[in-house]
Amino acid sequence: MARLFENPAKKGIPISSGDIYHMLKEDILTLKLLPGQMISENEVAKLYRVSRTPVKTAFVRLENEGFVDVIPQRGTYVSKIDAKHISDISHMRYVLEMDMCKAAMRSPGLKTLIADLEESLKEQEQMVASPDFQSYDFFHMDSNFHRLLFVHSNREQIWSVILNNQVFYTRLRLLDTKSKERCENICVEHRGILDALTKKDEALLHDLVYRHLHYKVHLMTQSNIDEHRDFLINFD
């Protein structure tokens, strides 16, 4: 089970169960460990040069947060992507982000928000146009565009709650943004949302935000079924 991150143990730095938890979580979220892939306590312990005790503690924490499934007598597996959960998260984000947009349109700080969103969108467009396009970097730029809505409404804690409940959503989004064409479409969608916010067109915002966060995710799930059927559960 190879990692792209350098193992701190090679430098003689002690590794805790918390370190193992964070490194495995990062590998799961970034799809270095794929949905449904088996992970072994013994292999992880050998990789990080530790006993099985801190590994077992890390596995328990990952299981409690939905990142892995422990199947008795069979082993521990990276959890598959739950399409129903994604649908629910998408709807929650739609409701919350529309609330942030409506608050922004009434706020004297709207021009500042629009300027920050414009800067964020330009970074996305530059990344898509770059020959050094990196889907993982684009994913974070995409996420930051939405985060700004919460920051400017002084509701960043809500954004933190959203992130902490995106075990499945984040991985599916990373699968989706592997396509440069899809990232180009996301930029177009963000441009539409920004323009509607600038014009204070609430009806148009409702439509665009819904399609971007919910309808598009539904289509993405459906379009990924054939290619990534083994990664998904609970899809129609």
Protein backbone atom coordinates (compact mmCIF):
# COMPACT_ATOMS: atom_id res chain seq x y z
CA MET A 1 0.00 0.00 0.00
CA ALA A 2 2.17 2.82 -1.31
CA ARG A 3 1.87 6.41 -0.17
CA LEU A 4 2.91 9.54 -2.00
CA PHE A 5 3.70 11.30 1.28
CA GLU A 6 7.08 10.75 2.87
CA ASN A 7 6.91 8.54 5.91
CA PRO A 8 8.07 10.59 8.96
CA ALA A 9 9.37 7.41 10.53
CA LYS A 10 12.15 7.36 7.94
CA LYS A 11 13.51 10.52 9.54
CA GLY A 12 13.31 9.06 13.00
CA ILE A 13 10.24 11.12 13.97
CA PRO A 14 7.87 9.18 16.27
CA ILE A 15 4.44 8.53 14.77
CA SER A 16 1.26 8.59 16.86
CA SER A 17 -2.16 7.11 16.16
CA GLY A 18 -3.28 10.66 15.35
CA ASP A 19 -0.59 10.96 12.67
CA ILE A 20 -1.67 7.65 11.14
CA TYR A 21 -5.32 8.73 11.24
CA HIS A 22 -4.60 12.00 9.43
CA MET A 23 -2.38 10.40 6.77
CA LEU A 24 -4.87 7.62 6.03
CA LYS A 25 -7.75 10.11 5.99
CA GLU A 26 -5.87 12.26 3.48
CA ASP A 27 -5.19 9.21 1.31
CA ILE A 28 -8.89 8.27 1.39
CA LEU A 29 -10.12 11.78 0.60
CA THR A 30 -7.64 12.21 -2.26
CA LEU A 31 -8.41 8.73 -3.65
CA LYS A 32 -4.92 7.34 -3.15
CA LEU A 33 -6.85 4.68 -1.27
CA LEU A 34 -9.86 3.84 -3.43
CA PRO A 35 -13.44 3.15 -2.27
CA GLY A 36 -13.79 -0.53 -1.43
CA GLN A 37 -10.04 -1.08 -1.15
CA MET A 38 -8.93 -3.31 1.71
CA ILE A 39 -6.43 -1.86 4.17
CA SER A 40 -4.53 -4.06 6.57
CA GLU A 41 -3.51 -3.17 10.13
CA ASN A 42 -0.37 -5.23 9.66
CA GLU A 43 0.57 -3.45 6.42
CA VAL A 44 -0.02 -0.01 7.91
CA ALA A 45 1.96 -0.89 11.02
CA LYS A 46 4.83 -2.14 8.86
CA LEU A 47 4.68 0.95 6.62
CA TYR A 48 4.91 3.36 9.56
CA ARG A 49 7.17 1.15 11.67
CA VAL A 50 4.83 1.06 14.65
CA SER A 51 2.97 -1.59 16.62
CA ARG A 52 -0.61 -2.48 15.71
CA THR A 53 -1.98 -0.61 18.75
CA PRO A 54 -1.80 2.96 17.34
CA VAL A 55 -2.97 1.64 13.97
CA LYS A 56 -6.00 -0.01 15.55
CA THR A 57 -6.81 3.26 17.36
CA ALA A 58 -6.59 5.16 14.07
CA PHE A 59 -8.83 2.59 12.34
CA VAL A 60 -11.48 2.95 15.06
CA ARG A 61 -11.51 6.71 14.60
CA LEU A 62 -11.77 6.37 10.82
CA GLU A 63 -14.62 3.89 11.20
CA ASN A 64 -16.52 6.19 13.56
CA GLU A 65 -16.26 9.01 11.00
CA GLY A 66 -17.38 6.85 8.08
CA PHE A 67 -14.07 6.62 6.22
CA VAL A 68 -13.70 2.86 6.60
CA ASP A 69 -15.97 -0.13 7.12
CA VAL A 70 -14.87 -2.95 9.39
CA ILE A 71 -16.39 -6.27 8.31
CA PRO A 72 -16.01 -9.02 10.93
CA GLN A 73 -13.95 -12.00 9.81
CA ARG A 74 -13.11 -10.22 6.55
CA GLY A 75 -11.15 -7.06 7.25
CA THR A 76 -11.20 -3.26 6.99
CA TYR A 77 -12.18 -1.56 3.76
CA VAL A 78 -12.28 2.05 2.59
CA SER A 79 -15.96 3.00 2.65
CA LYS A 80 -17.71 3.20 -0.69
CA ILE A 81 -19.27 6.47 -1.85
CA ASP A 82 -22.88 6.73 -0.67
CA ALA A 83 -24.91 8.47 -3.39
CA LYS A 84 -27.91 9.00 -1.07
CA HIS A 85 -25.69 10.77 1.44
CA ILE A 86 -24.31 12.95 -1.36
CA SER A 87 -27.83 13.92 -2.38
CA ASP A 88 -28.64 14.93 1.20
CA ILE A 89 -25.42 16.93 1.58
CA SER A 90 -26.06 18.65 -1.74
CA HIS A 91 -29.51 19.73 -0.60
CA MET A 92 -28.16 20.95 2.73
CA ARG A 93 -25.51 22.99 0.93
CA TYR A 94 -28.10 24.42 -1.45
CA VAL A 95 -30.28 25.63 1.42
CA LEU A 96 -27.34 27.08 3.38
CA GLU A 97 -25.56 28.69 0.43
CA MET A 98 -28.75 30.33 -0.78
CA ASP A 99 -29.19 31.73 2.71
CA MET A 100 -25.64 33.13 2.50
CA CYS A 101 -26.37 34.62 -0.94
CA LYS A 102 -29.56 36.30 0.24
CA ALA A 103 -27.75 37.71 3.27
CA ALA A 104 -24.96 38.97 1.01
CA MET A 105 -27.38 40.78 -1.29
CA ARG A 106 -28.68 42.73 1.71
CA SER A 107 -25.20 43.40 3.08
CA PRO A 108 -23.14 46.59 2.57
CA GLY A 109 -20.18 44.26 2.05
CA LEU A 110 -21.60 42.80 -1.18
CA LYS A 111 -19.04 44.58 -3.39
CA THR A 112 -16.18 43.13 -1.34
CA LEU A 113 -17.63 39.64 -1.62
CA ILE A 114 -18.07 40.01 -5.37
CA ALA A 115 -14.46 41.18 -5.72
CA ASP A 116 -13.20 38.20 -3.70
CA LEU A 117 -15.34 35.76 -5.69
CA GLU A 118 -14.06 37.29 -8.92
CA GLU A 119 -10.46 36.80 -7.79
CA SER A 120 -11.21 33.21 -6.80
CA LEU A 121 -12.86 32.51 -10.14
CA LYS A 122 -9.92 33.98 -12.08
CA GLU A 123 -7.61 31.59 -10.23
CA GLN A 124 -9.84 28.69 -11.29
CA GLU A 125 -9.90 29.84 -14.90
CA GLN A 126 -6.13 30.25 -14.93
CA MET A 127 -5.67 26.77 -13.52
CA VAL A 128 -7.94 25.24 -16.16
CA ALA A 129 -6.08 27.10 -18.91
CA SER A 130 -2.66 26.12 -17.56
CA PRO A 131 -0.68 23.28 -19.16
CA ASP A 132 0.21 22.35 -15.56
CA PHE A 133 -3.45 21.75 -14.68
CA GLN A 134 -3.81 19.84 -11.41
CA SER A 135 -7.26 18.52 -10.55
CA TYR A 136 -6.54 18.43 -6.81
CA ASP A 137 -5.54 22.10 -6.82
CA PHE A 138 -8.64 22.97 -8.81
CA PHE A 139 -10.80 21.11 -6.30
CA HIS A 140 -9.51 23.34 -3.50
CA MET A 141 -10.06 26.46 -5.59
CA ASP A 142 -13.61 25.33 -6.28
CA SER A 143 -14.16 24.74 -2.56
CA ASN A 144 -12.74 28.16 -1.69
CA PHE A 145 -15.22 29.88 -4.02
CA HIS A 146 -18.08 28.51 -1.92
CA ARG A 147 -16.29 29.07 1.38
CA LEU A 148 -16.13 32.79 0.67
CA LEU A 149 -19.93 33.04 0.88
CA PHE A 150 -19.77 31.85 4.49
CA VAL A 151 -16.72 33.93 5.38
CA HIS A 152 -18.38 37.16 4.26
CA SER A 153 -21.53 36.31 6.21
CA ASN A 154 -19.43 35.61 9.30
CA ARG A 155 -20.64 32.01 9.21
CA GLU A 156 -17.36 30.22 8.58
CA GLN A 157 -18.11 27.78 11.39
CA ILE A 158 -21.05 26.50 9.33
CA TRP A 159 -18.65 25.88 6.45
CA SER A 160 -16.45 23.86 8.82
CA VAL A 161 -19.46 21.72 9.74
CA ILE A 162 -20.19 21.14 6.05
CA LEU A 163 -16.61 20.06 5.39
CA ASN A 164 -16.66 17.68 8.33
CA ASN A 165 -19.72 15.94 6.87
CA GLN A 166 -18.45 15.50 3.33
CA VAL A 167 -16.81 12.09 3.65
CA PHE A 168 -18.49 10.87 0.46
CA TYR A 169 -19.11 14.16 -1.35
CA THR A 170 -15.47 15.18 -1.37
CA ARG A 171 -14.31 11.93 -2.94
CA LEU A 172 -16.97 12.01 -5.65
CA ARG A 173 -16.09 15.64 -6.41
CA LEU A 174 -12.44 14.63 -6.75
CA LEU A 175 -13.44 11.91 -9.17
CA ASP A 176 -15.43 14.49 -11.11
CA THR A 177 -12.72 17.16 -11.26
CA LYS A 178 -10.21 14.74 -12.74
CA SER A 179 -11.75 15.82 -16.05
CA LYS A 180 -10.42 19.16 -17.31
CA GLU A 181 -13.59 19.60 -19.36
CA ARG A 182 -15.72 19.24 -16.25
CA CYS A 183 -13.58 21.87 -14.48
CA GLU A 184 -14.16 24.22 -17.39
CA ASN A 185 -17.91 23.71 -16.95
CA ILE A 186 -17.61 24.40 -13.22
CA CYS A 187 -15.95 27.73 -14.01
CA VAL A 188 -18.88 28.60 -16.29
CA GLU A 189 -21.33 27.68 -13.52
CA HIS A 190 -19.43 29.80 -11.01
CA ARG A 191 -19.46 32.72 -13.46
CA GLY A 192 -23.23 32.45 -13.74
CA ILE A 193 -23.64 32.43 -9.95
CA LEU A 194 -21.34 35.43 -9.59
CA ASP A 195 -23.21 37.39 -12.27
CA ALA A 196 -26.58 36.62 -10.68
CA LEU A 197 -25.28 37.68 -7.29
CA THR A 198 -23.94 40.91 -8.77
CA LYS A 199 -27.35 41.64 -10.29
CA LYS A 200 -29.10 40.61 -7.04
CA ASP A 201 -31.27 38.25 -9.09
CA GLU A 202 -32.52 35.93 -6.36
CA ALA A 203 -34.73 33.80 -8.63
CA LEU A 204 -31.86 33.13 -11.02
CA LEU A 205 -29.53 32.39 -8.09
CA HIS A 206 -31.95 29.77 -6.78
CA ASP A 207 -31.89 28.02 -10.14
CA LEU A 208 -28.15 28.24 -10.70
CA VAL A 209 -27.11 27.26 -7.18
CA TYR A 210 -29.53 24.33 -7.18
CA ARG A 211 -28.24 23.03 -10.49
CA HIS A 212 -24.63 23.51 -9.44
CA LEU A 213 -24.88 21.83 -6.05
CA HIS A 214 -27.67 19.29 -6.43
CA TYR A 215 -28.75 18.59 -9.96
CA LYS A 216 -25.18 18.51 -11.25
CA VAL A 217 -24.11 16.13 -8.49
CA HIS A 218 -27.01 13.86 -9.38
CA LEU A 219 -25.92 13.80 -13.00
CA MET A 220 -22.31 13.29 -11.95
CA THR A 221 -23.32 10.27 -9.90
CA GLN A 222 -25.24 8.82 -12.81
CA SER A 223 -22.43 9.48 -15.30
CA ASN A 224 -19.91 7.81 -12.99
CA ILE A 225 -21.95 4.63 -12.53
CA ASP A 226 -20.45 2.71 -15.46
CA GLU A 227 -16.87 3.83 -14.95
CA HIS A 228 -16.88 3.69 -11.15
CA ARG A 229 -19.73 1.29 -10.36
CA ASP A 230 -17.64 -0.53 -7.75
CA PHE A 231 -17.00 2.75 -5.91
CA LEU A 232 -20.67 3.65 -5.37
CA ILE A 233 -23.57 2.44 -3.24
CA ASN A 234 -27.21 3.53 -2.82
CA PHE A 235 -27.65 5.08 -6.23
CA ASP A 236 -30.91 4.80 -8.23
